[in-house]
Protein backbone atom coordinates (compact mmCIF):
# COMPACT_ATOMS: atom_id res chain seq x y z
CA MET A 1 22.38 100.76 -240.22
CA LYS A 2 22.39 103.70 -239.43
CA LYS A 3 25.35 105.17 -242.32
CA SER A 4 23.61 105.59 -246.19
CA LEU A 5 23.88 102.04 -247.40
CA SER A 6 25.13 103.44 -250.66
CA GLY A 7 27.08 106.02 -249.67
CA LEU A 8 29.39 102.13 -247.65
CA LEU A 9 29.19 101.41 -250.95
CA ALA A 10 29.73 104.26 -253.38
CA CYS A 11 33.20 104.49 -251.25
CA ALA A 12 34.05 100.53 -250.65
CA ALA A 13 33.84 99.32 -254.39
CA LEU A 14 36.61 99.02 -256.21
CA ALA A 15 37.38 99.72 -259.57
CA LEU A 16 39.26 96.95 -261.66
CA SER A 17 41.16 96.79 -264.29
CA PHE A 18 41.06 94.32 -266.52
CA SER A 19 43.89 92.76 -269.32
CA ALA A 20 42.91 92.07 -272.59
CA GLY A 21 42.84 88.16 -271.16
CA ALA A 22 40.95 88.74 -268.23
CA ALA A 23 37.70 86.45 -267.47
CA SER A 24 34.72 87.60 -268.86
CA ALA A 25 30.82 86.57 -268.53
CA ALA A 26 30.93 84.63 -271.12
CA ASP A 27 33.93 82.90 -270.44
CA PRO A 28 34.69 78.80 -269.34
CA ALA A 29 35.89 79.24 -265.49
CA ALA A 30 32.09 82.05 -265.70
CA THR A 31 29.82 79.85 -266.83
CA SER A 32 28.74 78.56 -263.26
CA LEU A 33 28.32 81.63 -261.79
CA PRO A 34 25.25 83.47 -263.37
CA GLY A 35 22.07 82.46 -261.68
CA HIS A 36 20.01 84.17 -258.90
CA TYR A 37 21.90 85.22 -255.99
CA TYR A 38 19.72 86.10 -252.31
CA LEU A 39 21.74 87.86 -249.61
CA GLN A 40 21.49 85.64 -246.04
CA GLY A 41 22.56 86.48 -242.92
CA VAL A 42 21.95 90.14 -242.66
CA MET A 43 19.27 91.66 -240.20
CA GLU A 44 16.35 93.38 -241.75
CA VAL A 45 18.32 93.65 -245.02
CA GLY A 46 17.07 92.20 -248.60
CA SER A 47 18.98 92.09 -251.30
CA GLU A 48 18.59 89.54 -255.00
CA LEU A 49 21.70 89.84 -257.30
CA LEU A 50 21.18 88.46 -260.83
CA LEU A 51 23.94 87.59 -263.16
CA LYS A 52 22.78 87.08 -266.55
CA LYS A 53 24.48 84.79 -268.89
CA ASP A 54 25.00 87.21 -271.36
CA GLY A 55 27.20 89.35 -269.09
CA LYS A 56 24.76 91.48 -267.63
CA PHE A 57 23.09 91.92 -264.32
CA GLU A 58 20.43 93.07 -262.24
CA TRP A 59 20.88 94.02 -257.99
CA THR A 60 18.31 95.42 -255.44
CA LEU A 61 18.55 95.60 -251.54
CA SER A 62 16.33 96.86 -249.57
CA TYR A 63 16.26 98.08 -246.02
CA GLY A 64 14.03 100.01 -243.93
CA ASN A 65 12.41 102.73 -246.31
CA THR A 66 15.21 102.47 -248.38
CA ASP A 67 15.07 100.66 -251.95
CA GLU A 68 18.91 100.59 -254.44
CA GLN A 69 19.13 99.25 -257.15
CA ALA A 70 22.05 98.49 -259.89
CA SER A 71 21.94 97.24 -263.36
CA GLY A 72 24.95 96.96 -265.81
CA GLU A 73 27.66 93.96 -266.94
CA TRP A 74 29.59 92.03 -264.33
CA ARG A 75 32.96 90.22 -265.29
CA VAL A 76 35.26 87.91 -263.40
CA ALA A 77 38.95 87.36 -263.54
CA GLY A 78 39.76 84.58 -260.76
CA ASP A 79 38.13 84.02 -257.85
CA MET A 80 36.45 87.91 -257.93
CA VAL A 81 33.11 89.31 -259.75
CA THR A 82 33.42 92.52 -260.52
CA LEU A 83 29.59 94.82 -260.82
CA VAL A 84 30.35 97.40 -263.54
CA ALA A 85 26.82 99.19 -263.24
CA GLY A 86 25.52 100.91 -266.53
CA ASP A 87 22.63 101.72 -268.69
CA GLY A 88 23.26 99.31 -271.43
CA GLY A 89 23.78 102.21 -274.38
CA LYS A 90 20.08 103.17 -273.75
CA GLU A 91 18.33 106.80 -273.82
CA PRO A 92 15.41 107.31 -271.73
CA GLN A 93 12.30 108.69 -273.62
CA PHE A 94 10.25 111.35 -273.03
CA ARG A 95 6.98 112.52 -273.61
CA VAL A 96 4.89 116.13 -272.73
CA PHE A 97 2.84 116.01 -270.17
CA GLU A 98 -1.11 115.43 -270.60
CA GLU A 99 -2.66 118.70 -268.97
CA SER A 100 -4.86 116.43 -266.57
CA GLU A 101 -1.64 115.81 -264.87
CA MET A 102 -0.38 119.18 -264.10
CA ARG A 103 -0.29 119.93 -260.82
CA ILE A 104 1.72 123.51 -261.61
CA GLN A 105 -0.69 125.75 -263.65
CA LYS A 106 0.55 129.34 -262.80
CA PRO A 107 2.66 131.08 -265.49
CA ALA A 108 6.35 130.95 -264.99
CA GLU A 109 8.28 134.38 -264.02
CA ALA A 110 8.60 137.02 -267.15
CA GLY A 111 11.48 136.44 -268.31
CA THR A 112 12.42 133.08 -267.96
CA TRP A 113 10.93 129.72 -269.40
CA VAL A 114 11.04 126.48 -267.27
CA ALA A 115 10.93 122.88 -268.38
CA ILE A 116 10.05 120.33 -265.70
CA VAL A 117 10.71 116.80 -265.95
CA GLY A 118 10.23 113.98 -263.65
CA PHE A 119 6.90 110.96 -263.95
CA PRO A 120 3.58 111.97 -263.48
CA GLN A 121 2.43 111.01 -259.80
CA VAL A 122 6.24 110.03 -259.16
CA GLY A 123 8.84 111.95 -258.87
CA PRO A 124 11.14 114.77 -260.50
CA MET A 125 14.03 113.85 -262.67
CA ALA A 126 17.26 115.71 -262.64
CA ASP A 127 20.24 115.82 -264.52
CA VAL A 128 18.51 116.42 -268.08
CA GLU A 129 20.30 118.61 -270.31
CA VAL A 130 17.09 120.60 -272.07
CA LYS A 131 17.59 122.58 -275.18
CA PHE A 132 14.45 125.77 -275.22
CA GLU A 133 14.56 126.87 -279.14
CA ALA A 134 12.12 129.69 -279.48
CA GLN A 135 9.98 130.80 -283.58
CA SER A 136 12.68 132.86 -284.56
CA GLY A 137 15.43 130.03 -283.99
CA LYS A 138 16.76 130.96 -280.95
CA THR A 139 17.91 128.55 -278.27
CA ALA A 140 18.80 128.31 -275.15
CA THR A 141 20.28 125.12 -272.46
CA ALA A 142 19.85 124.39 -269.08
CA VAL A 143 19.92 120.80 -267.07
CA SER A 144 17.11 119.48 -264.93
CA VAL A 145 17.92 119.81 -261.17
CA ALA A 146 17.03 118.03 -257.85
CA ASN A 147 13.12 119.30 -258.21
CA GLY A 148 13.48 118.44 -261.83
CA ASP A 149 13.16 122.49 -263.15
CA ALA A 150 15.86 123.59 -265.71
CA ILE A 151 15.26 127.23 -265.86
CA VAL A 152 16.26 129.97 -268.98
CA ARG A 153 16.00 132.97 -269.56
CA MET A 154 14.30 134.47 -272.48
CA PRO A 155 13.03 137.97 -273.62
CA ALA A 156 9.51 138.49 -273.89
CA SER A 157 9.58 138.60 -277.89
CA GLU A 158 10.28 135.25 -278.10
CA HIS A 159 7.64 132.70 -277.87
CA TRP A 160 8.78 129.08 -277.35
CA VAL A 161 8.04 126.38 -279.35
CA ARG A 162 9.67 123.22 -278.82
CA ALA A 163 12.17 121.53 -276.86
CA GLY A 164 15.22 118.73 -276.72
CA LEU A 165 15.74 116.67 -274.37
CA ARG A 166 18.80 113.73 -273.62
CA ARG A 167 20.04 113.14 -270.36
CA GLN A 168 22.72 115.09 -269.43
CA GLY A 169 26.57 114.35 -270.96
CA SER A 170 25.10 111.89 -273.25
CA LYS A 171 26.03 112.27 -277.02
CA ALA A 172 22.74 110.98 -278.18
CA ASP A 173 20.69 113.39 -280.58
CA TYR A 174 18.56 115.43 -278.82
CA GLN A 175 14.32 113.94 -278.63
CA TRP A 176 12.34 117.06 -279.99
CA LEU A 177 8.79 118.05 -278.43
CA ALA A 178 6.37 120.56 -279.35
CA VAL A 179 5.60 122.91 -276.96
CA PRO A 180 1.37 122.85 -276.82
CA ALA A 181 0.20 126.52 -277.18
CA GLU A 182 -1.04 126.97 -273.99
CA ARG A 183 2.01 125.74 -272.27
CA ALA A 184 3.99 128.71 -274.39
CA GLN A 185 2.42 131.05 -273.44
CA GLU A 186 2.71 130.29 -269.70
CA ARG A 187 6.34 129.47 -270.45
CA LEU A 188 6.28 126.40 -268.43
CA ALA A 189 5.90 122.63 -270.02
CA ALA A 190 6.68 119.66 -268.36
CA PHE A 191 7.78 116.79 -269.83
CA ALA A 192 7.55 113.46 -268.07
CA VAL A 193 10.34 110.34 -269.17
CA THR A 194 7.91 107.46 -270.25
CA ASP A 195 9.59 104.83 -267.50
CA ALA A 196 9.69 105.82 -264.18
CA GLN A 197 12.82 103.34 -263.33
CA TRP A 198 14.87 106.06 -264.64
CA LEU A 199 14.47 108.10 -261.33
CA ARG A 200 16.20 105.75 -259.45
CA GLY A 201 19.91 106.03 -259.67
CA GLN A 202 22.49 103.53 -259.58
CA ALA A 203 23.60 102.71 -256.48
CA PHE A 204 27.14 101.81 -257.39
CA GLN A 205 29.83 102.92 -260.29
CA THR A 206 31.17 99.36 -259.53
CA LEU A 207 31.07 96.42 -257.09
CA ASN A 208 33.24 92.96 -256.06
CA PHE A 209 32.79 89.67 -255.06
CA ARG A 210 34.61 87.28 -253.54
CA VAL A 211 33.40 83.38 -255.25
CA VAL A 212 32.94 81.72 -252.53
CA LYS A 213 31.57 78.51 -250.56
CA GLY A 214 28.10 78.74 -251.01
CA GLY A 215 27.57 81.32 -252.94
CA LEU A 216 29.77 85.16 -253.38
CA LYS A 217 30.61 88.05 -250.57
CA LEU A 218 30.96 91.42 -250.88
CA HIS A 219 34.86 92.16 -250.84
CA GLY A 220 36.85 95.42 -250.07
CA MET A 221 33.63 96.91 -247.92
CA ASP A 222 33.24 97.12 -244.53
CA SER A 223 29.15 97.07 -242.78
CA ALA A 224 26.86 94.33 -241.52
CA VAL A 225 26.10 93.27 -245.84
CA ALA A 226 29.45 92.72 -246.27
CA LYS A 227 29.16 89.88 -243.63
CA GLY A 228 26.21 88.38 -245.08
CA LEU A 229 26.39 85.90 -248.04
CA TYR A 230 24.74 85.93 -251.49
CA ALA A 231 23.77 82.32 -251.46
CA LYS A 232 22.43 81.21 -254.71
CA ALA A 233 19.37 79.85 -255.12
CA SER A 234 18.77 76.25 -255.34
CA GLY A 235 18.21 73.85 -258.09
CA GLN A 236 20.80 76.74 -260.45
């Protein structure tokens, strides 16, 4: 598969609107759908879909050195099943890196404060809003970029005391963490997300399947995966 599968999924996923009377995962019409489904008929691609009875789903796909994942809620209307990715209202939790986990020891450039967000020895986390607070009460905010860095300008007279973190766009309260004295002195601190799963983005926003004999088939996309069948595990 030469094209990025996540790109194909993003382009092909159709956003469906549901009327108030549309069937949901808890409706009688959907009682036979929950279970494990495994992709069949596609060479060198592995994929699994778990439809839970409570209306939640988990989806994974692997091909080559690439792994995709998504989770959220599923809905059914007629013979169409739609996966709607989301975080279920959960928020990531953070902690300060241990000194033994720090790989960058060089102080930040004078006049700047740097917060590095990620998971030790795994990778960076983008799109985290970091609120820097000085001892004087002065604050500044930046969002972590692809390499995990969130950077603000601060006068040399200010002393960094704590940082608040939350996902960009989240309405949740900041999670405030004290900045260790040594890190404050060097104007460089690192914050670890406690669950590495947050480093993996959702592969799609919505993904549609049609109920067919033997399982589910992807609907509305033109790719090798759409030619396969998500067959339900025997005995379910």
